[in-house]
Amino acid sequence: MVSIDRLVHEPARFTIMTHLYVVESADFIFLMRQTGLTWGNLSSHLSKLEAAGYVAIEKEFVGRKPHTMLRLTDEGRAAFDRYRQSMRQALDVLPE
């Protein structure tokens, strides 16, 4: 269990990364609705994932409204794959 990436393992960040793993990109509002996280909570977790290089955040304006797009980076996708493999290994050693 030592090899488990604690940044990914946290439930809210795991949920964020799971949703981003299966899409090319998603906007902030869509991800907020899908995860059930509040604006502030989602923003806080995304900041941590961005600082680790796992998520890319692109902000722009559409008309006069801010629009934020999110995607997993290659590093984030690789970290999620490693996390999945580590969890499989950890669970496979348990007796049935």
PDB file of N, CA and C in Angstrom:
ATOM      1  N   MET A   1       0.818  -1.214   0.000  1.00  0.00           N
ATOM      2  CA  MET A   1       0.000   0.000   0.000  1.00  0.00           C
ATOM      3  C   MET A   1       0.853   1.267   0.000  1.00  0.00           C
ATOM      4  N   VAL A   2       2.136   1.120   0.222  1.00  0.00           N
ATOM      5  CA  VAL A   2       3.015   2.276   0.245  1.00  0.00           C
ATOM      6  C   VAL A   2       3.055   2.964  -1.117  1.00  0.00           C
ATOM      7  N   SER A   3       2.880   2.205  -2.194  1.00  0.00           N
ATOM      8  CA  SER A   3       2.993   2.775  -3.535  1.00  0.00           C
ATOM      9  C   SER A   3       1.717   3.475  -4.011  1.00  0.00           C
ATOM     10  N   ILE A   4       0.686   3.508  -3.187  1.00  0.00           N
ATOM     11  CA  ILE A   4      -0.562   4.170  -3.572  1.00  0.00           C
ATOM     12  C   ILE A   4      -0.346   5.688  -3.603  1.00  0.00           C
ATOM     13  N   ASP A   5      -0.708   6.305  -4.706  1.00  0.00           N
ATOM     14  CA  ASP A   5      -0.597   7.758  -4.854  1.00  0.00           C
ATOM     15  C   ASP A   5      -1.690   8.408  -4.013  1.00  0.00           C
ATOM     16  N   ARG A   6      -1.313   8.998  -2.907  1.00  0.00           N
ATOM     17  CA  ARG A   6      -2.288   9.587  -1.976  1.00  0.00           C
ATOM     18  C   ARG A   6      -3.023  10.777  -2.585  1.00  0.00           C
ATOM     19  N   LEU A   7      -2.398  11.452  -3.528  1.00  0.00           N
ATOM     20  CA  LEU A   7      -3.069  12.563  -4.188  1.00  0.00           C
ATOM     21  C   LEU A   7      -4.276  12.064  -4.974  1.00  0.00           C
ATOM     22  N   VAL A   8      -4.132  10.943  -5.644  1.00  0.00           N
ATOM     23  CA  VAL A   8      -5.230  10.348  -6.416  1.00  0.00           C
ATOM     24  C   VAL A   8      -6.200   9.623  -5.491  1.00  0.00           C
ATOM     25  N   HIS A   9      -5.698   9.039  -4.423  1.00  0.00           N
ATOM     26  CA  HIS A   9      -6.494   8.185  -3.538  1.00  0.00           C
ATOM     27  C   HIS A   9      -7.579   8.948  -2.775  1.00  0.00           C
ATOM     28  N   GLU A  10      -7.398  10.238  -2.549  1.00  0.00           N
ATOM     29  CA  GLU A  10      -8.400  11.032  -1.839  1.00  0.00           C
ATOM     30  C   GLU A  10      -9.708  10.952  -2.631  1.00  0.00           C
ATOM     31  N   PRO A  11     -10.843  10.633  -1.968  1.00  0.00           N
ATOM     32  CA  PRO A  11     -12.090  10.348  -2.694  1.00  0.00           C
ATOM     33  C   PRO A  11     -12.539  11.410  -3.697  1.00  0.00           C
ATOM     34  N   ALA A  12     -12.493  12.673  -3.346  1.00  0.00           N
ATOM     35  CA  ALA A  12     -12.955  13.708  -4.280  1.00  0.00           C
ATOM     36  C   ALA A  12     -12.032  13.778  -5.499  1.00  0.00           C
ATOM     37  N   ARG A  13     -10.729  13.711  -5.272  1.00  0.00           N
ATOM     38  CA  ARG A  13      -9.795  13.776  -6.408  1.00  0.00           C
ATOM     39  C   ARG A  13      -9.874  12.507  -7.255  1.00  0.00           C
ATOM     40  N   PHE A  14     -10.103  11.378  -6.618  1.00  0.00           N
ATOM     41  CA  PHE A  14     -10.312  10.132  -7.367  1.00  0.00           C
ATOM     42  C   PHE A  14     -11.524  10.271  -8.292  1.00  0.00           C
ATOM     43  N   THR A  15     -12.599  10.838  -7.764  1.00  0.00           N
ATOM     44  CA  THR A  15     -13.815  11.036  -8.560  1.00  0.00           C
ATOM     45  C   THR A  15     -13.555  11.986  -9.729  1.00  0.00           C
ATOM     46  N   ILE A  16     -12.851  13.065  -9.474  1.00  0.00           N
ATOM     47  CA  ILE A  16     -12.516  14.018 -10.541  1.00  0.00           C
ATOM     48  C   ILE A  16     -11.703  13.328 -11.629  1.00  0.00           C
ATOM     49  N   MET A  17     -10.663  12.623 -11.210  1.00  0.00           N
ATOM     50  CA  MET A  17      -9.793  11.977 -12.195  1.00  0.00           C
ATOM     51  C   MET A  17     -10.524  10.874 -12.953  1.00  0.00           C
ATOM     52  N   THR A  18     -11.417  10.166 -12.284  1.00  0.00           N
ATOM     53  CA  THR A  18     -12.204   9.126 -12.956  1.00  0.00           C
ATOM     54  C   THR A  18     -13.046   9.730 -14.073  1.00  0.00           C
ATOM     55  N   HIS A  19     -13.701  10.843 -13.782  1.00  0.00           N
ATOM     56  CA  HIS A  19     -14.524  11.489 -14.803  1.00  0.00           C
ATOM     57  C   HIS A  19     -13.666  12.025 -15.953  1.00  0.00           C
ATOM     58  N   LEU A  20     -12.528  12.620 -15.634  1.00  0.00           N
ATOM     59  CA  LEU A  20     -11.676  13.179 -16.686  1.00  0.00           C
ATOM     60  C   LEU A  20     -10.957  12.098 -17.490  1.00  0.00           C
ATOM     61  N   TYR A  21     -10.778  10.926 -16.897  1.00  0.00           N
ATOM     62  CA  TYR A  21     -10.080   9.836 -17.569  1.00  0.00           C
ATOM     63  C   TYR A  21     -10.839   9.353 -18.809  1.00  0.00           C
ATOM     64  N   VAL A  22     -12.142   9.414 -18.769  1.00  0.00           N
ATOM     65  CA  VAL A  22     -12.949   8.832 -19.855  1.00  0.00           C
ATOM     66  C   VAL A  22     -13.383   9.849 -20.912  1.00  0.00           C
ATOM     67  N   VAL A  23     -12.956  11.101 -20.756  1.00  0.00           N
ATOM     68  CA  VAL A  23     -13.285  12.126 -21.750  1.00  0.00           C
ATOM     69  C   VAL A  23     -12.011  12.841 -22.180  1.00  0.00           C
ATOM     70  N   GLU A  24     -12.068  13.487 -23.312  1.00  0.00           N
ATOM     71  CA  GLU A  24     -10.921  14.273 -23.771  1.00  0.00           C
ATOM     72  C   GLU A  24     -10.762  15.518 -22.902  1.00  0.00           C
ATOM     73  N   SER A  25     -11.891  16.168 -22.612  1.00  0.00           N
ATOM     74  CA  SER A  25     -11.900  17.333 -21.733  1.00  0.00           C
ATOM     75  C   SER A  25     -13.335  17.542 -21.245  1.00  0.00           C
ATOM     76  N   ALA A  26     -13.466  18.354 -20.210  1.00  0.00           N
ATOM     77  CA  ALA A  26     -14.797  18.654 -19.664  1.00  0.00           C
ATOM     78  C   ALA A  26     -14.774  20.070 -19.121  1.00  0.00           C
ATOM     79  N   ASP A  27     -15.921  20.726 -19.154  1.00  0.00           N
ATOM     80  CA  ASP A  27     -15.932  22.059 -18.560  1.00  0.00           C
ATOM     81  C   ASP A  27     -16.246  21.967 -17.064  1.00  0.00           C
ATOM     82  N   PHE A  28     -15.929  23.037 -16.368  1.00  0.00           N
ATOM     83  CA  PHE A  28     -16.006  23.071 -14.912  1.00  0.00           C
ATOM     84  C   PHE A  28     -17.416  22.757 -14.416  1.00  0.00           C
ATOM     85  N   ILE A  29     -18.421  23.363 -15.020  1.00  0.00           N
ATOM     86  CA  ILE A  29     -19.811  23.169 -14.575  1.00  0.00           C
ATOM     87  C   ILE A  29     -20.232  21.713 -14.763  1.00  0.00           C
ATOM     88  N   PHE A  30     -19.883  21.122 -15.896  1.00  0.00           N
ATOM     89  CA  PHE A  30     -20.204  19.715 -16.139  1.00  0.00           C
ATOM     90  C   PHE A  30     -19.569  18.841 -15.062  1.00  0.00           C
ATOM     91  N   LEU A  31     -18.284  19.069 -14.782  1.00  0.00           N
ATOM     92  CA  LEU A  31     -17.585  18.262 -13.786  1.00  0.00           C
ATOM     93  C   LEU A  31     -18.167  18.482 -12.395  1.00  0.00           C
ATOM     94  N   MET A  32     -18.546  19.705 -12.088  1.00  0.00           N
ATOM     95  CA  MET A  32     -19.158  19.997 -10.793  1.00  0.00           C
ATOM     96  C   MET A  32     -20.465  19.212 -10.641  1.00  0.00           C
ATOM     97  N   ARG A  33     -21.258  19.179 -11.679  1.00  0.00           N
ATOM     98  CA  ARG A  33     -22.533  18.439 -11.627  1.00  0.00           C
ATOM     99  C   ARG A  33     -22.303  16.936 -11.552  1.00  0.00           C
ATOM    100  N   GLN A  34     -21.334  16.444 -12.289  1.00  0.00           N
ATOM    101  CA  GLN A  34     -21.067  15.004 -12.305  1.00  0.00           C
ATOM    102  C   GLN A  34     -20.505  14.506 -10.976  1.00  0.00           C
ATOM    103  N   THR A  35     -19.665  15.306 -10.332  1.00  0.00           N
ATOM    104  CA  THR A  35     -19.030  14.881  -9.085  1.00  0.00           C
ATOM    105  C   THR A  35     -19.861  15.192  -7.853  1.00  0.00           C
ATOM    106  N   GLY A  36     -20.762  16.154  -7.962  1.00  0.00           N
ATOM    107  CA  GLY A  36     -21.547  16.558  -6.796  1.00  0.00           C
ATOM    108  C   GLY A  36     -20.770  17.444  -5.833  1.00  0.00           C
ATOM    109  N   LEU A  37     -19.597  17.901  -6.248  1.00  0.00           N
ATOM    110  CA  LEU A  37     -18.792  18.776  -5.407  1.00  0.00           C
ATOM    111  C   LEU A  37     -19.249  20.223  -5.551  1.00  0.00           C
ATOM    112  N   THR A  38     -19.049  21.015  -4.506  1.00  0.00           N
ATOM    113  CA  THR A  38     -19.376  22.440  -4.590  1.00  0.00           C
ATOM    114  C   THR A  38     -18.327  23.140  -5.437  1.00  0.00           C
ATOM    115  N   TRP A  39     -18.628  24.373  -5.828  1.00  0.00           N
ATOM    116  CA  TRP A  39     -17.703  25.151  -6.642  1.00  0.00           C
ATOM    117  C   TRP A  39     -16.357  25.264  -5.938  1.00  0.00           C
ATOM    118  N   GLY A  40     -16.370  25.677  -4.674  1.00  0.00           N
ATOM    119  CA  GLY A  40     -15.129  25.876  -3.931  1.00  0.00           C
ATOM    120  C   GLY A  40     -14.356  24.591  -3.705  1.00  0.00           C
ATOM    121  N   ASN A  41     -15.074  23.512  -3.385  1.00  0.00           N
ATOM    122  CA  ASN A  41     -14.426  22.229  -3.134  1.00  0.00           C
ATOM    123  C   ASN A  41     -13.781  21.702  -4.412  1.00  0.00           C
ATOM    124  N   LEU A  42     -14.505  21.758  -5.515  1.00  0.00           N
ATOM    125  CA  LEU A  42     -13.961  21.305  -6.790  1.00  0.00           C
ATOM    126  C   LEU A  42     -12.747  22.144  -7.175  1.00  0.00           C
ATOM    127  N   SER A  43     -12.849  23.444  -7.021  1.00  0.00           N
ATOM    128  CA  SER A  43     -11.750  24.338  -7.356  1.00  0.00           C
ATOM    129  C   SER A  43     -10.508  24.023  -6.525  1.00  0.00           C
ATOM    130  N   SER A  44     -10.696  23.766  -5.243  1.00  0.00           N
ATOM    131  CA  SER A  44      -9.578  23.443  -4.357  1.00  0.00           C
ATOM    132  C   SER A  44      -8.877  22.150  -4.771  1.00  0.00           C
ATOM    133  N   HIS A  45      -9.655  21.121  -5.052  1.00  0.00           N
ATOM    134  CA  HIS A  45      -9.079  19.837  -5.464  1.00  0.00           C
ATOM    135  C   HIS A  45      -8.414  19.939  -6.835  1.00  0.00           C
ATOM    136  N   LEU A  46      -9.004  20.692  -7.744  1.00  0.00           N
ATOM    137  CA  LEU A  46      -8.398  20.877  -9.062  1.00  0.00           C
ATOM    138  C   LEU A  46      -7.067  21.615  -8.952  1.00  0.00           C
ATOM    139  N   SER A  47      -6.975  22.558  -8.035  1.00  0.00           N
ATOM    140  CA  SER A  47      -5.718  23.281  -7.834  1.00  0.00           C
ATOM    141  C   SER A  47      -4.612  22.331  -7.408  1.00  0.00           C
ATOM    142  N   LYS A  48      -4.931  21.397  -6.531  1.00  0.00           N
ATOM    143  CA  LYS A  48      -3.938  20.415  -6.080  1.00  0.00           C
ATOM    144  C   LYS A  48      -3.521  19.491  -7.224  1.00  0.00           C
ATOM    145  N   LEU A  49      -4.495  19.072  -8.018  1.00  0.00           N
ATOM    146  CA  LEU A  49      -4.184  18.204  -9.154  1.00  0.00           C
ATOM    147  C   LEU A  49      -3.383  18.951 -10.217  1.00  0.00           C
ATOM    148  N   GLU A  50      -3.684  20.229 -10.405  1.00  0.00           N
ATOM    149  CA  GLU A  50      -2.941  21.037 -11.370  1.00  0.00           C
ATOM    150  C   GLU A  50      -1.505  21.245 -10.885  1.00  0.00           C
ATOM    151  N   ALA A  51      -1.324  21.515  -9.602  1.00  0.00           N
ATOM    152  CA  ALA A  51       0.021  21.720  -9.047  1.00  0.00           C
ATOM    153  C   ALA A  51       0.886  20.470  -9.199  1.00  0.00           C
ATOM    154  N   ALA A  52       0.249  19.299  -9.156  1.00  0.00           N
ATOM    155  CA  ALA A  52       0.975  18.040  -9.328  1.00  0.00           C
ATOM    156  C   ALA A  52       1.240  17.733 -10.799  1.00  0.00           C
ATOM    157  N   GLY A  53       0.643  18.510 -11.697  1.00  0.00           N
ATOM    158  CA  GLY A  53       0.820  18.273 -13.126  1.00  0.00           C
ATOM    159  C   GLY A  53      -0.138  17.230 -13.681  1.00  0.00           C
ATOM    160  N   TYR A  54      -1.168  16.877 -12.915  1.00  0.00           N
ATOM    161  CA  TYR A  54      -2.111  15.842 -13.336  1.00  0.00           C
ATOM    162  C   TYR A  54      -3.266  16.395 -14.172  1.00  0.00           C
ATOM    163  N   VAL A  55      -3.621  17.652 -13.968  1.00  0.00           N
ATOM    164  CA  VAL A  55      -4.754  18.253 -14.667  1.00  0.00           C
ATOM    165  C   VAL A  55      -4.318  19.567 -15.293  1.00  0.00           C
ATOM    166  N   ALA A  56      -4.768  19.800 -16.510  1.00  0.00           N
ATOM    167  CA  ALA A  56      -4.553  21.083 -17.183  1.00  0.00           C
ATOM    168  C   ALA A  56      -5.853  21.872 -17.115  1.00  0.00           C
ATOM    169  N   ILE A  57      -5.738  23.134 -16.733  1.00  0.00           N
ATOM    170  CA  ILE A  57      -6.897  24.009 -16.618  1.00  0.00           C
ATOM    171  C   ILE A  57      -6.722  25.141 -17.617  1.00  0.00           C
ATOM    172  N   GLU A  58      -7.700  25.281 -18.503  1.00  0.00           N
ATOM    173  CA  GLU A  58      -7.651  26.334 -19.520  1.00  0.00           C
ATOM    174  C   GLU A  58      -8.855  27.248 -19.328  1.00  0.00           C
ATOM    175  N   LYS A  59      -8.561  28.507 -19.044  1.00  0.00           N
ATOM    176  CA  LYS A  59      -9.630  29.483 -18.810  1.00  0.00           C
ATOM    177  C   LYS A  59      -9.708  30.442 -19.981  1.00  0.00           C
ATOM    178  N   GLU A  60     -10.936  30.740 -20.363  1.00  0.00           N
ATOM    179  CA  GLU A  60     -11.181  31.670 -21.458  1.00  0.00           C
ATOM    180  C   GLU A  60     -12.505  32.366 -21.209  1.00  0.00           C
ATOM    181  N   PHE A  61     -12.831  33.305 -22.038  1.00  0.00           N
ATOM    182  CA  PHE A  61     -14.134  33.942 -21.966  1.00  0.00           C
ATOM    183  C   PHE A  61     -14.914  33.578 -23.215  1.00  0.00           C
ATOM    184  N   VAL A  62     -16.164  33.217 -23.025  1.00  0.00           N
ATOM    185  CA  VAL A  62     -17.080  32.975 -24.126  1.00  0.00           C
ATOM    186  C   VAL A  62     -18.112  34.087 -24.017  1.00  0.00           C
ATOM    187  N   GLY A  63     -18.045  35.017 -24.955  1.00  0.00           N
ATOM    188  CA  GLY A  63     -18.823  36.239 -24.793  1.00  0.00           C
ATOM    189  C   GLY A  63     -18.206  37.002 -23.631  1.00  0.00           C
ATOM    190  N   ARG A  64     -18.988  37.254 -22.644  1.00  0.00           N
ATOM    191  CA  ARG A  64     -18.477  37.936 -21.451  1.00  0.00           C
ATOM    192  C   ARG A  64     -18.418  37.010 -20.242  1.00  0.00           C
ATOM    193  N   LYS A  65     -18.671  35.736 -20.480  1.00  0.00           N
ATOM    194  CA  LYS A  65     -18.711  34.783 -19.374  1.00  0.00           C
ATOM    195  C   LYS A  65     -17.441  33.944 -19.330  1.00  0.00           C
ATOM    196  N   PRO A  66     -16.902  33.746 -18.129  1.00  0.00           N
ATOM    197  CA  PRO A  66     -15.734  32.874 -18.015  1.00  0.00           C
ATOM    198  C   PRO A  66     -16.104  31.425 -18.313  1.00  0.00           C
ATOM    199  N   HIS A  67     -15.188  30.724 -18.941  1.00  0.00           N
ATOM    200  CA  HIS A  67     -15.405  29.324 -19.293  1.00  0.00           C
ATOM    201  C   HIS A  67     -14.115  28.569 -18.979  1.00  0.00           C
ATOM    202  N   THR A  68     -14.213  27.547 -18.158  1.00  0.00           N
ATOM    203  CA  THR A  68     -13.037  26.790 -17.735  1.00  0.00           C
ATOM    204  C   THR A  68     -13.132  25.367 -18.258  1.00  0.00           C
ATOM    205  N   MET A  69     -12.110  24.952 -18.998  1.00  0.00           N
ATOM    206  CA  MET A  69     -12.023  23.592 -19.517  1.00  0.00           C
ATOM    207  C   MET A  69     -10.926  22.844 -18.766  1.00  0.00           C
ATOM    208  N   LEU A  70     -11.190  21.567 -18.515  1.00  0.00           N
ATOM    209  CA  LEU A  70     -10.286  20.727 -17.735  1.00  0.00           C
ATOM    210  C   LEU A  70      -9.979  19.464 -18.513  1.00  0.00           C
ATOM    211  N   ARG A  71      -8.741  18.986 -18.360  1.00  0.00           N
ATOM    212  CA  ARG A  71      -8.381  17.717 -18.977  1.00  0.00           C
ATOM    213  C   ARG A  71      -7.243  17.100 -18.188  1.00  0.00           C
ATOM    214  N   LEU A  72      -7.146  15.783 -18.248  1.00  0.00           N
ATOM    215  CA  LEU A  72      -6.000  15.109 -17.661  1.00  0.00           C
ATOM    216  C   LEU A  72      -4.798  15.334 -18.558  1.00  0.00           C
ATOM    217  N   THR A  73      -3.664  15.602 -17.983  1.00  0.00           N
ATOM    218  CA  THR A  73      -2.422  15.680 -18.747  1.00  0.00           C
ATOM    219  C   THR A  73      -1.944  14.251 -18.990  1.00  0.00           C
ATOM    220  N   ASP A  74      -0.937  14.110 -19.819  1.00  0.00           N
ATOM    221  CA  ASP A  74      -0.344  12.782 -20.022  1.00  0.00           C
ATOM    222  C   ASP A  74       0.178  12.238 -18.695  1.00  0.00           C
ATOM    223  N   GLU A  75       0.770  13.119 -17.894  1.00  0.00           N
ATOM    224  CA  GLU A  75       1.276  12.722 -16.580  1.00  0.00           C
ATOM    225  C   GLU A  75       0.127  12.285 -15.659  1.00  0.00           C
ATOM    226  N   GLY A  76      -0.992  12.999 -15.726  1.00  0.00           N
ATOM    227  CA  GLY A  76      -2.160  12.644 -14.920  1.00  0.00           C
ATOM    228  C   GLY A  76      -2.761  11.312 -15.336  1.00  0.00           C
ATOM    229  N   ARG A  77      -2.810  11.095 -16.641  1.00  0.00           N
ATOM    230  CA  ARG A  77      -3.334   9.820 -17.158  1.00  0.00           C
ATOM    231  C   ARG A  77      -2.430   8.663 -16.722  1.00  0.00           C
ATOM    232  N   ALA A  78      -1.119   8.877 -16.778  1.00  0.00           N
ATOM    233  CA  ALA A  78      -0.165   7.842 -16.354  1.00  0.00           C
ATOM    234  C   ALA A  78      -0.272   7.605 -14.847  1.00  0.00           C
ATOM    235  N   ALA A  79      -0.437   8.669 -14.074  1.00  0.00           N
ATOM    236  CA  ALA A  79      -0.578   8.533 -12.614  1.00  0.00           C
ATOM    237  C   ALA A  79      -1.843   7.746 -12.280  1.00  0.00           C
ATOM    238  N   PHE A  80      -2.921   8.003 -13.009  1.00  0.00           N
ATOM    239  CA  PHE A  80      -4.172   7.277 -12.756  1.00  0.00           C
ATOM    240  C   PHE A  80      -4.016   5.807 -13.129  1.00  0.00           C
ATOM    241  N   ASP A  81      -3.319   5.528 -14.228  1.00  0.00           N
ATOM    242  CA  ASP A  81      -3.059   4.133 -14.614  1.00  0.00           C
ATOM    243  C   ASP A  81      -2.226   3.426 -13.550  1.00  0.00           C
ATOM    244  N   ARG A  82      -1.191   4.099 -13.034  1.00  0.00           N
ATOM    245  CA  ARG A  82      -0.361   3.506 -11.971  1.00  0.00           C
ATOM    246  C   ARG A  82      -1.192   3.262 -10.718  1.00  0.00           C
ATOM    247  N   TYR A  83      -2.062   4.212 -10.390  1.00  0.00           N
ATOM    248  CA  TYR A  83      -2.932   4.070  -9.224  1.00  0.00           C
ATOM    249  C   TYR A  83      -3.838   2.842  -9.372  1.00  0.00           C
ATOM    250  N   ARG A  84      -4.442   2.709 -10.538  1.00  0.00           N
ATOM    251  CA  ARG A  84      -5.317   1.559 -10.791  1.00  0.00           C
ATOM    252  C   ARG A  84      -4.541   0.252 -10.635  1.00  0.00           C
ATOM    253  N   GLN A  85      -3.336   0.204 -11.191  1.00  0.00           N
ATOM    254  CA  GLN A  85      -2.511  -1.003 -11.101  1.00  0.00           C
ATOM    255  C   GLN A  85      -2.139  -1.287  -9.648  1.00  0.00           C
ATOM    256  N   SER A  86      -1.764  -0.269  -8.904  1.00  0.00           N
ATOM    257  CA  SER A  86      -1.401  -0.443  -7.498  1.00  0.00           C
ATOM    258  C   SER A  86      -2.582  -0.955  -6.682  1.00  0.00           C
ATOM    259  N   MET A  87      -3.759  -0.430  -6.947  1.00  0.00           N
ATOM    260  CA  MET A  87      -4.951  -0.880  -6.216  1.00  0.00           C
ATOM    261  C   MET A  87      -5.285  -2.324  -6.575  1.00  0.00           C
ATOM    262  N   ARG A  88      -5.154  -2.669  -7.841  1.00  0.00           N
ATOM    263  CA  ARG A  88      -5.394  -4.082  -8.250  1.00  0.00           C
ATOM    264  C   ARG A  88      -4.448  -5.014  -7.511  1.00  0.00           C
ATOM    265  N   GLN A  89      -3.170  -4.660  -7.483  1.00  0.00           N
ATOM    266  CA  GLN A  89      -2.181  -5.486  -6.795  1.00  0.00           C
ATOM    267  C   GLN A  89      -2.482  -5.606  -5.311  1.00  0.00           C
ATOM    268  N   ALA A  90      -2.849  -4.508  -4.690  1.00  0.00           N
ATOM    269  CA  ALA A  90      -3.149  -4.514  -3.255  1.00  0.00           C
ATOM    270  C   ALA A  90      -4.363  -5.390  -2.963  1.00  0.00           C
ATOM    271  N   LEU A  91      -5.364  -5.333  -3.824  1.00  0.00           N
ATOM    272  CA  LEU A  91      -6.598  -6.106  -3.599  1.00  0.00           C
ATOM    273  C   LEU A  91      -6.446  -7.561  -3.992  1.00  0.00           C
ATOM    274  N   ASP A  92      -5.587  -7.851  -4.949  1.00  0.00           N
ATOM    275  CA  ASP A  92      -5.395  -9.229  -5.398  1.00  0.00           C
ATOM    276  C   ASP A  92      -4.763 -10.131  -4.344  1.00  0.00           C
ATOM    277  N   VAL A  93      -4.026  -9.562  -3.409  1.00  0.00           N
ATOM    278  CA  VAL A  93      -3.374 -10.383  -2.381  1.00  0.00           C
ATOM    279  C   VAL A  93      -4.304 -10.733  -1.230  1.00  0.00           C
ATOM    280  N   LEU A  94      -5.476 -10.135  -1.198  1.00  0.00           N
ATOM    281  CA  LEU A  94      -6.434 -10.453  -0.134  1.00  0.00           C
ATOM    282  C   LEU A  94      -7.105 -11.794  -0.388  1.00  0.00           C
ATOM    283  N   PRO A  95      -7.314 -12.566   0.698  1.00  0.00           N
ATOM    284  CA  PRO A  95      -8.015 -13.840   0.517  1.00  0.00           C
ATOM    285  C   PRO A  95      -9.492 -13.592   0.176  1.00  0.00           C
ATOM    286  N   GLU A  96     -10.079 -14.538  -0.529  1.00  0.00           N
ATOM    287  CA  GLU A  96     -11.486 -14.389  -0.911  1.00  0.00           C
ATOM    288  C   GLU A  96     -12.407 -14.936   0.125  1.00  0.00           C
TER     289      GLU A  96
END
